Protein backbone atom coordinates (compact mmCIF):
# COMPACT_ATOMS: atom_id res chain seq x y z
CA GLY A 1 -15.00 0.13 11.95
CA GLU A 2 -14.59 2.29 8.89
CA ARG A 3 -12.34 4.74 10.70
CA ILE A 4 -9.52 2.32 11.39
CA ALA A 5 -7.02 1.02 8.86
CA VAL A 6 -4.54 -1.71 9.75
CA GLY A 7 -0.99 -0.91 8.68
CA LEU A 8 1.02 -3.73 7.15
CA GLU A 9 4.68 -2.92 6.69
CA VAL A 10 6.08 -5.54 4.37
CA VAL A 11 9.07 -6.62 2.38
CA GLY A 12 7.81 -9.17 -0.11
CA ASP A 13 5.82 -11.79 1.81
CA VAL A 14 7.24 -10.81 5.21
CA LEU A 15 5.67 -8.47 7.73
CA MET A 16 8.54 -6.25 8.88
CA PRO A 17 7.36 -3.47 11.20
CA ARG A 18 9.76 -0.51 11.10
CA GLY A 19 8.96 0.56 14.66
CA ALA A 20 9.61 -2.82 16.30
CA GLY A 21 13.31 -2.09 16.68
CA ASP A 22 14.18 -5.66 17.53
CA GLY A 23 14.18 -7.14 14.05
CA ARG A 24 11.08 -9.26 14.63
CA THR A 25 9.39 -10.38 11.45
CA MET A 26 6.45 -12.59 10.63
CA PRO A 27 5.28 -14.28 7.45
CA LEU A 28 2.54 -12.11 6.00
CA GLU A 29 0.26 -15.13 5.69
CA ASP A 30 0.50 -15.75 9.45
CA ALA A 31 -0.46 -12.14 10.20
CA LEU A 32 -3.37 -12.26 7.77
CA ALA A 33 -4.64 -15.48 9.36
CA TRP A 34 -5.45 -13.60 12.56
CA LEU A 35 -6.16 -10.15 11.09
CA VAL A 36 -8.70 -10.99 8.38
CA PRO A 37 -11.21 -12.72 10.72
CA ALA A 38 -11.33 -9.46 12.72
CA ARG A 39 -12.80 -7.85 9.58
CA PRO A 40 -10.63 -4.75 9.20
CA SER A 41 -12.10 -2.05 6.98
CA ARG A 42 -8.86 -1.69 5.00
CA PHE A 43 -5.14 -2.28 5.03
CA VAL A 44 -2.44 0.30 4.42
CA VAL A 45 0.25 -1.78 2.75
CA THR A 46 3.67 -0.14 2.93
CA ASP A 47 6.58 -1.71 1.11
CA VAL A 48 9.27 -0.62 3.57
CA GLY A 49 12.03 -1.57 1.16
CA ARG A 50 10.79 1.10 -1.23
CA VAL A 51 9.83 3.93 1.15
CA GLY A 52 11.45 7.17 0.05
CA SER A 53 13.28 5.45 -2.80
CA LEU A 54 11.23 6.76 -5.73
CA SER A 55 11.91 3.33 -7.27
CA GLY A 56 8.31 2.65 -8.27
CA ALA A 57 5.55 0.97 -6.34
CA ASP A 58 4.89 -2.73 -6.01
CA LEU A 59 1.92 -2.86 -8.37
CA GLU A 60 1.18 -6.56 -7.83
CA GLY A 61 1.61 -7.46 -4.15
CA PRO A 62 -1.05 -5.17 -2.65
CA VAL A 63 -3.52 -6.03 -5.42
CA LEU A 64 -3.03 -9.75 -4.82
CA LEU A 65 -3.39 -9.23 -1.06
CA ALA A 66 -6.69 -7.38 -1.58
CA ALA A 67 -8.00 -10.05 -3.96
CA ARG A 68 -6.98 -12.87 -1.59
CA THR A 69 -8.48 -11.29 1.52
CA GLY A 70 -11.35 -9.23 0.10
CA VAL A 71 -10.06 -6.31 2.19
CA PRO A 72 -9.48 -2.98 0.41
CA VAL A 73 -5.93 -1.61 0.40
CA ILE A 74 -4.15 1.70 0.33
CA VAL A 75 -0.69 1.38 -1.17
CA ALA A 76 2.46 3.13 0.09
CA GLY A 77 6.15 2.92 -0.59
CA GLY A 78 8.12 3.81 -3.68
CA LEU A 79 5.41 5.63 -5.61
CA ALA A 80 7.42 7.73 -7.99
CA SER A 81 5.40 8.83 -10.98
CA LEU A 82 2.04 9.60 -12.43
CA ALA A 83 2.34 6.28 -14.27
CA ASP A 84 2.59 4.42 -10.93
CA LEU A 85 -0.55 6.10 -9.66
CA THR A 86 -2.63 5.62 -12.79
CA ALA A 87 -1.52 1.97 -13.00
CA LEU A 88 -2.65 1.40 -9.41
CA ALA A 89 -5.92 3.25 -9.97
CA GLY A 90 -6.86 0.86 -12.76
CA ARG A 91 -5.84 -2.42 -11.13
CA SER A 92 -8.72 -3.27 -8.84
CA PRO A 93 -11.71 -1.67 -7.15
CA LEU A 94 -10.17 -2.96 -3.90
CA VAL A 95 -7.25 -0.53 -4.30
CA GLU A 96 -8.77 2.47 -2.54
CA GLY A 97 -5.83 4.81 -2.78
CA ALA A 98 -2.16 5.53 -2.43
CA ILE A 99 0.06 7.43 -0.05
CA VAL A 100 2.51 9.64 -1.88
CA GLY A 101 5.32 11.27 0.04
CA ARG A 102 8.70 12.12 -1.40
CA ALA A 103 7.46 12.13 -5.00
CA LEU A 104 5.23 15.11 -4.17
CA TYR A 105 8.25 17.06 -2.97
CA GLU A 106 10.48 16.16 -5.87
CA ARG A 107 8.48 15.13 -8.94
CA LEU A 108 4.72 15.35 -8.88
CA ASP A 109 2.16 18.10 -9.00
CA LEU A 110 -0.74 17.22 -6.69
CA ALA A 111 -3.37 18.89 -8.88
CA GLU A 112 -2.15 16.90 -11.88
CA VAL A 113 -2.23 13.66 -9.89
CA ILE A 114 -5.78 14.28 -8.74
CA ARG A 115 -6.93 15.04 -12.29
CA ALA A 116 -5.22 11.91 -13.63
CA VAL A 117 -6.82 9.49 -11.18
CA ALA A 118 -10.19 11.17 -10.61
CA GLY A 119 -12.98 8.76 -11.31
CA SER A 120 -10.75 5.67 -11.27
């Protein structure tokens, strides 16, 4: 139900779970073919190639995934600036939020972030 989000750890169009340990991957489309019919409440889409890099978020992939599936997304991986967050906030009503990690420690002020995206 509403309390469960499905985590998708991706690099481009490939599902690449960090915890698998054995290098198994799967085309994202194949994973979505069996996940979407189960009607998840949302996806947490983590670009594992950007995690902790402060290189900027993938602003297109998660939005396209949400539009294609109709499933809301929370974006993670590479978020580096207030500009990243405000750009995501304005992209689609299906982008429910973002997970910000390292940028909060090194660059961002949480109160400023909340003010900037409030009401988006």
